[in-house]
Amino acid sequence: GSHGSTFGGNPLGMAVAEVVLNHVLKDEFLDHVRFIGYNLRKKL
């Protein structure tokens, strides 16, 4: 009762979020973000 949301955590959103996390939480994914980010900043 202290907080709530009618649509929060609905099945559609959770199905998508699980896929996002399955990708983003991989070490190689985050390594890639750091690598590409560094190179983009350097070339800029």
PDB file of all heavy atoms in Angstrom:
ATOM      1  N   GLY A   1       0.787  -1.222   0.000  1.00  0.00           N
ATOM      2  CA  GLY A   1       0.000   0.000   0.000  1.00  0.00           C
ATOM      3  C   GLY A   1       0.819   1.272   0.000  1.00  0.00           C
ATOM      4  O   GLY A   1       0.270   2.354  -0.233  1.00  0.00           O
ATOM      5  N   SER A   2       2.128   1.177   0.238  1.00  0.00           N
ATOM      6  CA  SER A   2       2.953   2.377   0.280  1.00  0.00           C
ATOM      7  C   SER A   2       3.238   2.927  -1.116  1.00  0.00           C
ATOM      8  O   SER A   2       3.554   4.104  -1.268  1.00  0.00           O
ATOM      9  CB  SER A   2       4.270   2.099   1.012  1.00  0.00           C
ATOM     10  OG  SER A   2       4.989   1.056   0.388  1.00  0.00           O
ATOM     11  N   HIS A   3       3.147   2.080  -2.115  1.00  0.00           N
ATOM     12  CA  HIS A   3       3.321   2.524  -3.497  1.00  0.00           C
ATOM     13  C   HIS A   3       2.747   1.464  -4.428  1.00  0.00           C
ATOM     14  O   HIS A   3       2.466   0.337  -4.000  1.00  0.00           O
ATOM     15  CB  HIS A   3       4.798   2.774  -3.811  1.00  0.00           C
ATOM     16  CG  HIS A   3       5.005   3.671  -5.009  1.00  0.00           C
ATOM     17  ND1 HIS A   3       4.406   4.902  -5.137  1.00  0.00           N
ATOM     18  CD2 HIS A   3       5.742   3.513  -6.142  1.00  0.00           C
ATOM     19  CE1 HIS A   3       4.762   5.460  -6.289  1.00  0.00           C
ATOM     20  NE2 HIS A   3       5.563   4.635  -6.916  1.00  0.00           N
ATOM     21  N   GLY A   4       2.590   1.823  -5.702  1.00  0.00           N
ATOM     22  CA  GLY A   4       2.037   0.850  -6.642  1.00  0.00           C
ATOM     23  C   GLY A   4       1.920   1.428  -8.035  1.00  0.00           C
ATOM     24  O   GLY A   4       2.144   2.615  -8.260  1.00  0.00           O
ATOM     25  N   SER A   5       1.571   0.570  -8.980  1.00  0.00           N
ATOM     26  CA  SER A   5       1.414   0.977 -10.375  1.00  0.00           C
ATOM     27  C   SER A   5       0.521  -0.026 -11.086  1.00  0.00           C
ATOM     28  O   SER A   5       0.745  -1.234 -11.007  1.00  0.00           O
ATOM     29  CB  SER A   5       2.774   1.033 -11.082  1.00  0.00           C
ATOM     30  OG  SER A   5       2.617   1.191 -12.475  1.00  0.00           O
ATOM     31  N   THR A   6      -0.501   0.464 -11.768  1.00  0.00           N
ATOM     32  CA  THR A   6      -1.391  -0.433 -12.501  1.00  0.00           C
ATOM     33  C   THR A   6      -0.633  -1.228 -13.571  1.00  0.00           C
ATOM     34  O   THR A   6      -0.787  -2.444 -13.693  1.00  0.00           O
ATOM     35  CB  THR A   6      -2.521   0.363 -13.166  1.00  0.00           C
ATOM     36  OG1 THR A   6      -3.313   0.995 -12.160  1.00  0.00           O
ATOM     37  CG2 THR A   6      -3.418  -0.552 -14.004  1.00  0.00           C
ATOM     38  N   PHE A   7       0.186  -0.527 -14.335  1.00  0.00           N
ATOM     39  CA  PHE A   7       0.861  -1.171 -15.464  1.00  0.00           C
ATOM     40  C   PHE A   7       2.291  -1.601 -15.154  1.00  0.00           C
ATOM     41  O   PHE A   7       2.923  -2.293 -15.958  1.00  0.00           O
ATOM     42  CB  PHE A   7       0.884  -0.223 -16.674  1.00  0.00           C
ATOM     43  CG  PHE A   7      -0.490   0.118 -17.190  1.00  0.00           C
ATOM     44  CD1 PHE A   7      -1.042   1.362 -16.959  1.00  0.00           C
ATOM     45  CD2 PHE A   7      -1.230  -0.816 -17.897  1.00  0.00           C
ATOM     46  CE1 PHE A   7      -2.301   1.689 -17.427  1.00  0.00           C
ATOM     47  CE2 PHE A   7      -2.496  -0.503 -18.372  1.00  0.00           C
ATOM     48  CZ  PHE A   7      -3.038   0.748 -18.138  1.00  0.00           C
ATOM     49  N   GLY A   8       2.827  -1.160 -14.029  1.00  0.00           N
ATOM     50  CA  GLY A   8       4.220  -1.448 -13.707  1.00  0.00           C
ATOM     51  C   GLY A   8       4.514  -2.938 -13.631  1.00  0.00           C
ATOM     52  O   GLY A   8       3.816  -3.686 -12.958  1.00  0.00           O
ATOM     53  N   GLY A   9       5.562  -3.363 -14.338  1.00  0.00           N
ATOM     54  CA  GLY A   9       5.955  -4.768 -14.309  1.00  0.00           C
ATOM     55  C   GLY A   9       5.021  -5.681 -15.069  1.00  0.00           C
ATOM     56  O   GLY A   9       4.944  -6.882 -14.774  1.00  0.00           O
ATOM     57  N   ASN A  10       4.328  -5.145 -16.072  1.00  0.00           N
ATOM     58  CA  ASN A  10       3.381  -5.972 -16.831  1.00  0.00           C
ATOM     59  C   ASN A  10       4.129  -7.046 -17.623  1.00  0.00           C
ATOM     60  O   ASN A  10       5.334  -6.923 -17.892  1.00  0.00           O
ATOM     61  CB  ASN A  10       2.520  -5.100 -17.750  1.00  0.00           C
ATOM     62  CG  ASN A  10       3.338  -4.400 -18.814  1.00  0.00           C
ATOM     63  OD1 ASN A  10       3.762  -5.006 -19.791  1.00  0.00           O
ATOM     64  ND2 ASN A  10       3.575  -3.097 -18.616  1.00  0.00           N
ATOM     65  N   PRO A  11       3.455  -8.123 -17.997  1.00  0.00           N
ATOM     66  CA  PRO A  11       4.126  -9.249 -18.666  1.00  0.00           C
ATOM     67  C   PRO A  11       4.864  -8.872 -19.946  1.00  0.00           C
ATOM     68  O   PRO A  11       5.929  -9.425 -20.234  1.00  0.00           O
ATOM     69  CB  PRO A  11       2.971 -10.214 -18.962  1.00  0.00           C
ATOM     70  CG  PRO A  11       1.963  -9.924 -17.903  1.00  0.00           C
ATOM     71  CD  PRO A  11       2.038  -8.443 -17.692  1.00  0.00           C
ATOM     72  N   LEU A  12       4.324  -7.929 -20.724  1.00  0.00           N
ATOM     73  CA  LEU A  12       5.000  -7.516 -21.954  1.00  0.00           C
ATOM     74  C   LEU A  12       6.344  -6.851 -21.646  1.00  0.00           C
ATOM     75  O   LEU A  12       7.375  -7.174 -22.253  1.00  0.00           O
ATOM     76  CB  LEU A  12       4.115  -6.554 -22.750  1.00  0.00           C
ATOM     77  CG  LEU A  12       2.839  -7.122 -23.366  1.00  0.00           C
ATOM     78  CD1 LEU A  12       2.002  -6.000 -23.974  1.00  0.00           C
ATOM     79  CD2 LEU A  12       3.161  -8.157 -24.427  1.00  0.00           C
ATOM     80  N   GLY A  13       6.323  -5.919 -20.712  1.00  0.00           N
ATOM     81  CA  GLY A  13       7.543  -5.220 -20.335  1.00  0.00           C
ATOM     82  C   GLY A  13       8.592  -6.146 -19.761  1.00  0.00           C
ATOM     83  O   GLY A  13       9.788  -6.016 -20.040  1.00  0.00           O
ATOM     84  N   MET A  14       8.156  -7.092 -18.955  1.00  0.00           N
ATOM     85  CA  MET A  14       9.097  -8.015 -18.331  1.00  0.00           C
ATOM     86  C   MET A  14       9.736  -8.958 -19.353  1.00  0.00           C
ATOM     87  O   MET A  14      10.918  -9.303 -19.250  1.00  0.00           O
ATOM     88  CB  MET A  14       8.391  -8.820 -17.241  1.00  0.00           C
ATOM     89  CG  MET A  14       7.920  -7.981 -16.054  1.00  0.00           C
ATOM     90  SD  MET A  14       9.258  -7.108 -15.176  1.00  0.00           S
ATOM     91  CE  MET A  14       9.230  -5.503 -15.958  1.00  0.00           C
ATOM     92  N   ALA A  15       8.962  -9.360 -20.348  1.00  0.00           N
ATOM     93  CA  ALA A  15       9.506 -10.226 -21.396  1.00  0.00           C
ATOM     94  C   ALA A  15      10.625  -9.518 -22.149  1.00  0.00           C
ATOM     95  O   ALA A  15      11.671 -10.111 -22.452  1.00  0.00           O
ATOM     96  CB  ALA A  15       8.392 -10.642 -22.362  1.00  0.00           C
ATOM     97  N   VAL A  16      10.419  -8.240 -22.438  1.00  0.00           N
ATOM     98  CA  VAL A  16      11.427  -7.452 -23.144  1.00  0.00           C
ATOM     99  C   VAL A  16      12.635  -7.190 -22.249  1.00  0.00           C
ATOM    100  O   VAL A  16      13.789  -7.317 -22.677  1.00  0.00           O
ATOM    101  CB  VAL A  16      10.807  -6.123 -23.629  1.00  0.00           C
ATOM    102  CG1 VAL A  16      11.886  -5.199 -24.157  1.00  0.00           C
ATOM    103  CG2 VAL A  16       9.763  -6.380 -24.709  1.00  0.00           C
ATOM    104  N   ALA A  17      12.392  -6.818 -20.991  1.00  0.00           N
ATOM    105  CA  ALA A  17      13.480  -6.504 -20.072  1.00  0.00           C
ATOM    106  C   ALA A  17      14.405  -7.702 -19.855  1.00  0.00           C
ATOM    107  O   ALA A  17      15.626  -7.555 -19.737  1.00  0.00           O
ATOM    108  CB  ALA A  17      12.918  -6.036 -18.736  1.00  0.00           C
ATOM    109  N   GLU A  18      13.832  -8.886 -19.816  1.00  0.00           N
ATOM    110  CA  GLU A  18      14.660 -10.075 -19.638  1.00  0.00           C
ATOM    111  C   GLU A  18      15.644 -10.240 -20.795  1.00  0.00           C
ATOM    112  O   GLU A  18      16.822 -10.567 -20.580  1.00  0.00           O
ATOM    113  CB  GLU A  18      13.780 -11.323 -19.519  1.00  0.00           C
ATOM    114  CG  GLU A  18      14.579 -12.594 -19.255  1.00  0.00           C
ATOM    115  CD  GLU A  18      13.726 -13.832 -19.093  1.00  0.00           C
ATOM    116  OE1 GLU A  18      12.478 -13.723 -19.130  1.00  0.00           O
ATOM    117  OE2 GLU A  18      14.304 -14.921 -18.928  1.00  0.00           O
ATOM    118  N   VAL A  19      15.178  -9.976 -22.001  1.00  0.00           N
ATOM    119  CA  VAL A  19      16.055 -10.073 -23.171  1.00  0.00           C
ATOM    120  C   VAL A  19      17.154  -9.007 -23.107  1.00  0.00           C
ATOM    121  O   VAL A  19      18.333  -9.283 -23.371  1.00  0.00           O
ATOM    122  CB  VAL A  19      15.249  -9.924 -24.473  1.00  0.00           C
ATOM    123  CG1 VAL A  19      16.185  -9.840 -25.677  1.00  0.00           C
ATOM    124  CG2 VAL A  19      14.292 -11.092 -24.641  1.00  0.00           C
ATOM    125  N   VAL A  20      16.776  -7.773 -22.767  1.00  0.00           N
ATOM    126  CA  VAL A  20      17.767  -6.696 -22.650  1.00  0.00           C
ATOM    127  C   VAL A  20      18.857  -7.083 -21.658  1.00  0.00           C
ATOM    128  O   VAL A  20      20.059  -6.961 -21.940  1.00  0.00           O
ATOM    129  CB  VAL A  20      17.097  -5.376 -22.221  1.00  0.00           C
ATOM    130  CG1 VAL A  20      18.152  -4.333 -21.840  1.00  0.00           C
ATOM    131  CG2 VAL A  20      16.211  -4.830 -23.329  1.00  0.00           C
ATOM    132  N   LEU A  21      18.458  -7.566 -20.494  1.00  0.00           N
ATOM    133  CA  LEU A  21      19.435  -7.919 -19.466  1.00  0.00           C
ATOM    134  C   LEU A  21      20.306  -9.099 -19.892  1.00  0.00           C
ATOM    135  O   LEU A  21      21.501  -9.143 -19.576  1.00  0.00           O
ATOM    136  CB  LEU A  21      18.725  -8.233 -18.152  1.00  0.00           C
ATOM    137  CG  LEU A  21      18.039  -7.043 -17.478  1.00  0.00           C
ATOM    138  CD1 LEU A  21      17.268  -7.495 -16.244  1.00  0.00           C
ATOM    139  CD2 LEU A  21      19.049  -5.965 -17.102  1.00  0.00           C
ATOM    140  N   ASN A  22      19.726 -10.045 -20.600  1.00  0.00           N
ATOM    141  CA  ASN A  22      20.514 -11.192 -21.082  1.00  0.00           C
ATOM    142  C   ASN A  22      21.652 -10.739 -21.986  1.00  0.00           C
ATOM    143  O   ASN A  22      22.710 -11.381 -22.039  1.00  0.00           O
ATOM    144  CB  ASN A  22      19.623 -12.181 -21.829  1.00  0.00           C
ATOM    145  CG  ASN A  22      18.742 -12.994 -20.905  1.00  0.00           C
ATOM    146  OD1 ASN A  22      18.990 -13.068 -19.700  1.00  0.00           O
ATOM    147  ND2 ASN A  22      17.694 -13.583 -21.440  1.00  0.00           N
ATOM    148  N   HIS A  23      21.462  -9.646 -22.694  1.00  0.00           N
ATOM    149  CA  HIS A  23      22.511  -9.096 -23.552  1.00  0.00           C
ATOM    150  C   HIS A  23      23.459  -8.187 -22.766  1.00  0.00           C
ATOM    151  O   HIS A  23      24.678  -8.369 -22.788  1.00  0.00           O
ATOM    152  CB  HIS A  23      21.893  -8.306 -24.709  1.00  0.00           C
ATOM    153  CG  HIS A  23      21.332  -9.149 -25.805  1.00  0.00           C
ATOM    154  ND1 HIS A  23      20.133  -9.819 -25.694  1.00  0.00           N
ATOM    155  CD2 HIS A  23      21.810  -9.447 -27.038  1.00  0.00           C
ATOM    156  CE1 HIS A  23      19.895 -10.485 -26.811  1.00  0.00           C
ATOM    157  NE2 HIS A  23      20.892 -10.270 -27.643  1.00  0.00           N
ATOM    158  N   VAL A  24      22.891  -7.209 -22.076  1.00  0.00           N
ATOM    159  CA  VAL A  24      23.696  -6.162 -21.448  1.00  0.00           C
ATOM    160  C   VAL A  24      24.574  -6.689 -20.319  1.00  0.00           C
ATOM    161  O   VAL A  24      25.678  -6.171 -20.101  1.00  0.00           O
ATOM    162  CB  VAL A  24      22.772  -5.028 -20.940  1.00  0.00           C
ATOM    163  CG1 VAL A  24      23.549  -4.014 -20.101  1.00  0.00           C
ATOM    164  CG2 VAL A  24      22.105  -4.328 -22.114  1.00  0.00           C
ATOM    165  N   LEU A  25      24.134  -7.700 -19.623  1.00  0.00           N
ATOM    166  CA  LEU A  25      24.889  -8.202 -18.476  1.00  0.00           C
ATOM    167  C   LEU A  25      26.087  -9.073 -18.857  1.00  0.00           C
ATOM    168  O   LEU A  25      26.866  -9.462 -17.989  1.00  0.00           O
ATOM    169  CB  LEU A  25      23.960  -8.984 -17.537  1.00  0.00           C
ATOM    170  CG  LEU A  25      22.969  -8.129 -16.745  1.00  0.00           C
ATOM    171  CD1 LEU A  25      21.961  -9.004 -16.012  1.00  0.00           C
ATOM    172  CD2 LEU A  25      23.703  -7.218 -15.762  1.00  0.00           C
ATOM    173  N   LYS A  26      26.261  -9.349 -20.128  1.00  0.00           N
ATOM    174  CA  LYS A  26      27.416 -10.128 -20.556  1.00  0.00           C
ATOM    175  C   LYS A  26      28.670  -9.248 -20.527  1.00  0.00           C
ATOM    176  O   LYS A  26      28.659  -8.110 -20.996  1.00  0.00           O
ATOM    177  CB  LYS A  26      27.203 -10.665 -21.969  1.00  0.00           C
ATOM    178  CG  LYS A  26      26.122 -11.731 -22.070  1.00  0.00           C
ATOM    179  CD  LYS A  26      25.932 -12.188 -23.508  1.00  0.00           C
ATOM    180  CE  LYS A  26      24.851 -13.263 -23.610  1.00  0.00           C
ATOM    181  NZ  LYS A  26      24.611 -13.671 -25.021  1.00  0.00           N
ATOM    182  N   ASP A  27      29.755  -9.781 -19.988  1.00  0.00           N
ATOM    183  CA  ASP A  27      31.003  -9.019 -19.898  1.00  0.00           C
ATOM    184  C   ASP A  27      31.461  -8.522 -21.259  1.00  0.00           C
ATOM    185  O   ASP A  27      31.930  -7.384 -21.398  1.00  0.00           O
ATOM    186  CB  ASP A  27      32.105  -9.864 -19.258  1.00  0.00           C
ATOM    187  CG  ASP A  27      31.877 -10.101 -17.774  1.00  0.00           C
ATOM    188  OD1 ASP A  27      31.115  -9.320 -17.160  1.00  0.00           O
ATOM    189  OD2 ASP A  27      32.461 -11.058 -17.233  1.00  0.00           O
ATOM    190  N   GLU A  28      31.329  -9.363 -22.279  1.00  0.00           N
ATOM    191  CA  GLU A  28      31.790  -8.979 -23.601  1.00  0.00           C
ATOM    192  C   GLU A  28      30.958  -7.838 -24.197  1.00  0.00           C
ATOM    193  O   GLU A  28      31.458  -7.034 -24.985  1.00  0.00           O
ATOM    194  CB  GLU A  28      31.800 -10.175 -24.562  1.00  0.00           C
ATOM    195  CG  GLU A  28      30.466 -10.889 -24.731  1.00  0.00           C
ATOM    196  CD  GLU A  28      30.290 -12.071 -23.796  1.00  0.00           C
ATOM    197  OE1 GLU A  28      30.835 -12.031 -22.669  1.00  0.00           O
ATOM    198  OE2 GLU A  28      29.613 -13.035 -24.206  1.00  0.00           O
ATOM    199  N   PHE A  29      29.683  -7.764 -23.816  1.00  0.00           N
ATOM    200  CA  PHE A  29      28.828  -6.669 -24.284  1.00  0.00           C
ATOM    201  C   PHE A  29      29.319  -5.352 -23.697  1.00  0.00           C
ATOM    202  O   PHE A  29      29.484  -4.353 -24.413  1.00  0.00           O
ATOM    203  CB  PHE A  29      27.369  -6.930 -23.886  1.00  0.00           C
ATOM    204  CG  PHE A  29      26.395  -5.910 -24.425  1.00  0.00           C
ATOM    205  CD1 PHE A  29      25.707  -6.152 -25.608  1.00  0.00           C
ATOM    206  CD2 PHE A  29      26.163  -4.713 -23.758  1.00  0.00           C
ATOM    207  CE1 PHE A  29      24.807  -5.222 -26.117  1.00  0.00           C
ATOM    208  CE2 PHE A  29      25.271  -3.775 -24.259  1.00  0.00           C
ATOM    209  CZ  PHE A  29      24.596  -4.029 -25.440  1.00  0.00           C
ATOM    210  N   LEU A  30      29.567  -5.330 -22.392  1.00  0.00           N
ATOM    211  CA  LEU A  30      30.031  -4.113 -21.732  1.00  0.00           C
ATOM    212  C   LEU A  30      31.442  -3.743 -22.174  1.00  0.00           C
ATOM    213  O   LEU A  30      31.775  -2.566 -22.304  1.00  0.00           O
ATOM    214  CB  LEU A  30      29.955  -4.279 -20.214  1.00  0.00           C
ATOM    215  CG  LEU A  30      28.534  -4.449 -19.660  1.00  0.00           C
ATOM    216  CD1 LEU A  30      28.563  -4.799 -18.185  1.00  0.00           C
ATOM    217  CD2 LEU A  30      27.708  -3.181 -19.889  1.00  0.00           C
ATOM    218  N   ASP A  31      32.287  -4.747 -22.413  1.00  0.00           N
ATOM    219  CA  ASP A  31      33.620  -4.486 -22.970  1.00  0.00           C
ATOM    220  C   ASP A  31      33.505  -3.768 -24.311  1.00  0.00           C
ATOM    221  O   ASP A  31      34.268  -2.846 -24.617  1.00  0.00           O
ATOM    222  CB  ASP A  31      34.393  -5.793 -23.168  1.00  0.00           C
ATOM    223  CG  ASP A  31      34.826  -6.440 -21.862  1.00  0.00           C
ATOM    224  OD1 ASP A  31      34.829  -5.747 -20.826  1.00  0.00           O
ATOM    225  OD2 ASP A  31      35.162  -7.640 -21.887  1.00  0.00           O
ATOM    226  N   HIS A  32      32.546  -4.224 -25.117  1.00  0.00           N
ATOM    227  CA  HIS A  32      32.322  -3.636 -26.442  1.00  0.00           C
ATOM    228  C   HIS A  32      31.896  -2.170 -26.328  1.00  0.00           C
ATOM    229  O   HIS A  32      32.388  -1.311 -27.079  1.00  0.00           O
ATOM    230  CB  HIS A  32      31.252  -4.438 -27.187  1.00  0.00           C
ATOM    231  CG  HIS A  32      30.872  -3.862 -28.512  1.00  0.00           C
ATOM    232  ND1 HIS A  32      31.628  -4.042 -29.648  1.00  0.00           N
ATOM    233  CD2 HIS A  32      29.814  -3.084 -28.875  1.00  0.00           C
ATOM    234  CE1 HIS A  32      31.050  -3.406 -30.661  1.00  0.00           C
ATOM    235  NE2 HIS A  32      29.952  -2.827 -30.222  1.00  0.00           N
ATOM    236  N   VAL A  33      30.999  -1.879 -25.389  1.00  0.00           N
ATOM    237  CA  VAL A  33      30.546  -0.498 -25.190  1.00  0.00           C
ATOM    238  C   VAL A  33      31.730   0.395 -24.829  1.00  0.00           C
ATOM    239  O   VAL A  33      31.883   1.499 -25.371  1.00  0.00           O
ATOM    240  CB  VAL A  33      29.458  -0.424 -24.095  1.00  0.00           C
ATOM    241  CG1 VAL A  33      29.123   1.035 -23.767  1.00  0.00           C
ATOM    242  CG2 VAL A  33      28.200  -1.158 -24.536  1.00  0.00           C
ATOM    243  N   ARG A  34      32.572  -0.083 -23.931  1.00  0.00           N
ATOM    244  CA  ARG A  34      33.740   0.714 -23.533  1.00  0.00           C
ATOM    245  C   ARG A  34      34.699   0.914 -24.705  1.00  0.00           C
ATOM    246  O   ARG A  34      35.234   2.012 -24.902  1.00  0.00           O
ATOM    247  CB  ARG A  34      34.461   0.051 -22.351  1.00  0.00           C
ATOM    248  CG  ARG A  34      33.639   0.054 -21.067  1.00  0.00           C
ATOM    249  CD  ARG A  34      34.479  -0.325 -19.858  1.00  0.00           C
ATOM    250  NE  ARG A  34      34.920  -1.720 -19.896  1.00  0.00           N
ATOM    251  CZ  ARG A  34      34.240  -2.742 -19.385  1.00  0.00           C
ATOM    252  NH1 ARG A  34      33.066  -2.524 -18.812  1.00  0.00           N
ATOM    253  NH2 ARG A  34      34.719  -3.968 -19.437  1.00  0.00           N
ATOM    254  N   PHE A  35      34.923  -0.134 -25.480  1.00  0.00           N
ATOM    255  CA  PHE A  35      35.841  -0.065 -26.615  1.00  0.00           C
ATOM    256  C   PHE A  35      35.334   0.906 -27.685  1.00  0.00           C
ATOM    257  O   PHE A  35      36.065   1.788 -28.145  1.00  0.00           O
ATOM    258  CB  PHE A  35      36.023  -1.469 -27.214  1.00  0.00           C
ATOM    259  CG  PHE A  35      36.815  -1.496 -28.489  1.00  0.00           C
ATOM    260  CD1 PHE A  35      38.199  -1.410 -28.462  1.00  0.00           C
ATOM    261  CD2 PHE A  35      36.177  -1.580 -29.729  1.00  0.00           C
ATOM    262  CE1 PHE A  35      38.933  -1.414 -29.654  1.00  0.00           C
ATOM    263  CE2 PHE A  35      36.900  -1.598 -30.913  1.00  0.00           C
ATOM    264  CZ  PHE A  35      38.283  -1.513 -30.871  1.00  0.00           C
ATOM    265  N   ILE A  36      34.087   0.739 -28.081  1.00  0.00           N
ATOM    266  CA  ILE A  36      33.519   1.602 -29.117  1.00  0.00           C
ATOM    267  C   ILE A  36      33.412   3.039 -28.613  1.00  0.00           C
ATOM    268  O   ILE A  36      33.701   3.996 -29.350  1.00  0.00           O
ATOM    269  CB  ILE A  36      32.142   1.087 -29.580  1.00  0.00           C
ATOM    270  CG1 ILE A  36      32.282  -0.283 -30.257  1.00  0.00           C
ATOM    271  CG2 ILE A  36      31.481   2.077 -30.538  1.00  0.00           C
ATOM    272  CD1 ILE A  36      33.058  -0.280 -31.551  1.00  0.00           C
ATOM    273  N   GLY A  37      33.017   3.204 -27.365  1.00  0.00           N
ATOM    274  CA  GLY A  37      32.911   4.543 -26.787  1.00  0.00           C
ATOM    275  C   GLY A  37      34.244   5.265 -26.780  1.00  0.00           C
ATOM    276  O   GLY A  37      34.334   6.453 -27.143  1.00  0.00           O
ATOM    277  N   TYR A  38      35.293   4.551 -26.393  1.00  0.00           N
ATOM    278  CA  TYR A  38      36.633   5.148 -26.382  1.00  0.00           C
ATOM    279  C   TYR A  38      37.039   5.582 -27.787  1.00  0.00           C
ATOM    280  O   TYR A  38      37.539   6.699 -27.996  1.00  0.00           O
ATOM    281  CB  TYR A  38      37.652   4.148 -25.825  1.00  0.00           C
ATOM    282  CG  TYR A  38      39.088   4.571 -26.045  1.00  0.00           C
ATOM    283  CD1 TYR A  38      39.693   5.510 -25.205  1.00  0.00           C
ATOM    284  CD2 TYR A  38      39.827   4.059 -27.116  1.00  0.00           C
ATOM    285  CE1 TYR A  38      41.004   5.927 -25.419  1.00  0.00           C
ATOM    286  CE2 TYR A  38      41.126   4.467 -27.341  1.00  0.00           C
ATOM    287  CZ  TYR A  38      41.716   5.392 -26.490  1.00  0.00           C
ATOM    288  OH  TYR A  38      43.006   5.806 -26.717  1.00  0.00           O
ATOM    289  N   ASN A  39      36.827   4.719 -28.758  1.00  0.00           N
ATOM    290  CA  ASN A  39      37.226   5.020 -30.124  1.00  0.00           C
ATOM    291  C   ASN A  39      36.401   6.142 -30.744  1.00  0.00           C
ATOM    292  O   ASN A  39      36.935   6.967 -31.506  1.00  0.00           O
ATOM    293  CB  ASN A  39      37.158   3.756 -30.982  1.00  0.00           C
ATOM    294  CG  ASN A  39      38.359   2.855 -30.783  1.00  0.00           C
ATOM    295  OD1 ASN A  39      39.427   3.102 -31.335  1.00  0.00           O
ATOM    296  ND2 ASN A  39      38.194   1.814 -29.960  1.00  0.00           N
ATOM    297  N   LEU A  40      35.115   6.182 -30.431  1.00  0.00           N
ATOM    298  CA  LEU A  40      34.283   7.261 -30.940  1.00  0.00           C
ATOM    299  C   LEU A  40      34.735   8.598 -30.356  1.00  0.00           C
ATOM    300  O   LEU A  40      34.879   9.596 -31.079  1.00  0.00           O
ATOM    301  CB  LEU A  40      32.813   6.998 -30.623  1.00  0.00           C
ATOM    302  CG  LEU A  40      31.815   8.104 -31.005  1.00  0.00           C
ATOM    303  CD1 LEU A  40      31.934   8.486 -32.479  1.00  0.00           C
ATOM    304  CD2 LEU A  40      30.384   7.662 -30.681  1.00  0.00           C
ATOM    305  N   ARG A  41      34.975   8.644 -29.054  1.00  0.00           N
ATOM    306  CA  ARG A  41      35.438   9.882 -28.422  1.00  0.00           C
ATOM    307  C   ARG A  41      36.787  10.319 -28.987  1.00  0.00           C
ATOM    308  O   ARG A  41      37.027  11.501 -29.236  1.00  0.00           O
ATOM    309  CB  ARG A  41      35.515   9.721 -26.902  1.00  0.00           C
ATOM    310  CG  ARG A  41      34.161   9.504 -26.235  1.00  0.00           C
ATOM    311  CD  ARG A  41      34.227   9.686 -24.724  1.00  0.00           C
ATOM    312  NE  ARG A  41      35.228   8.829 -24.107  1.00  0.00           N
ATOM    313  CZ  ARG A  41      35.033   7.565 -23.757  1.00  0.00           C
ATOM    314  NH1 ARG A  41      33.842   6.995 -23.984  1.00  0.00           N
ATOM    315  NH2 ARG A  41      35.985   6.861 -23.175  1.00  0.00           N
ATOM    316  N   LYS A  42      37.687   9.352 -29.192  1.00  0.00           N
ATOM    317  CA  LYS A  42      39.023   9.671 -29.715  1.00  0.00           C
ATOM    318  C   LYS A  42      38.940  10.238 -31.133  1.00  0.00           C
ATOM    319  O   LYS A  42      39.608  11.237 -31.456  1.00  0.00           O
ATOM    320  CB  LYS A  42      39.906   8.425 -29.713  1.00  0.00           C
ATOM    321  CG  LYS A  42      41.364   8.680 -30.090  1.00  0.00           C
ATOM    322  CD  LYS A  42      42.192   7.429 -29.952  1.00  0.00           C
ATOM    323  CE  LYS A  42      43.674   7.733 -30.145  1.00  0.00           C
ATOM    324  NZ  LYS A  42      43.979   8.354 -31.454  1.00  0.00           N
ATOM    325  N   LYS A  43      38.129   9.625 -31.973  1.00  0.00           N
ATOM    326  CA  LYS A  43      38.008  10.095 -33.350  1.00  0.00           C
ATOM    327  C   LYS A  43      37.289  11.449 -33.408  1.00  0.00           C
ATOM    328  O   LYS A  43      37.616  12.290 -34.263  1.00  0.00           O
ATOM    329  CB  LYS A  43      37.293   9.057 -34.215  1.00  0.00           C
ATOM    330  CG  LYS A  43      38.131   7.796 -34.460  1.00  0.00           C
ATOM    331  CD  LYS A  43      37.518   6.896 -35.511  1.00  0.00           C
ATOM    332  CE  LYS A  43      37.724   7.443 -36.899  1.00  0.00           C
ATOM    333  NZ  LYS A  43      39.135   7.497 -37.318  1.00  0.00           N
ATOM    334  N   LEU A  44      36.330  11.662 -32.529  1.00  0.00           N
ATOM    335  CA  LEU A  44      35.689  12.970 -32.470  1.00  0.00           C
ATOM    336  C   LEU A  44      36.715  14.043 -32.117  1.00  0.00           C
ATOM    337  O   LEU A  44      36.730  15.131 -32.708  1.00  0.00           O
ATOM    338  CB  LEU A  44      34.560  12.966 -31.437  1.00  0.00           C
ATOM    339  CG  LEU A  44      33.255  12.292 -31.851  1.00  0.00           C
ATOM    340  CD1 LEU A  44      32.341  12.110 -30.642  1.00  0.00           C
ATOM    341  CD2 LEU A  44      32.541  13.081 -32.944  1.00  0.00           C
TER     342      LEU A  44
END
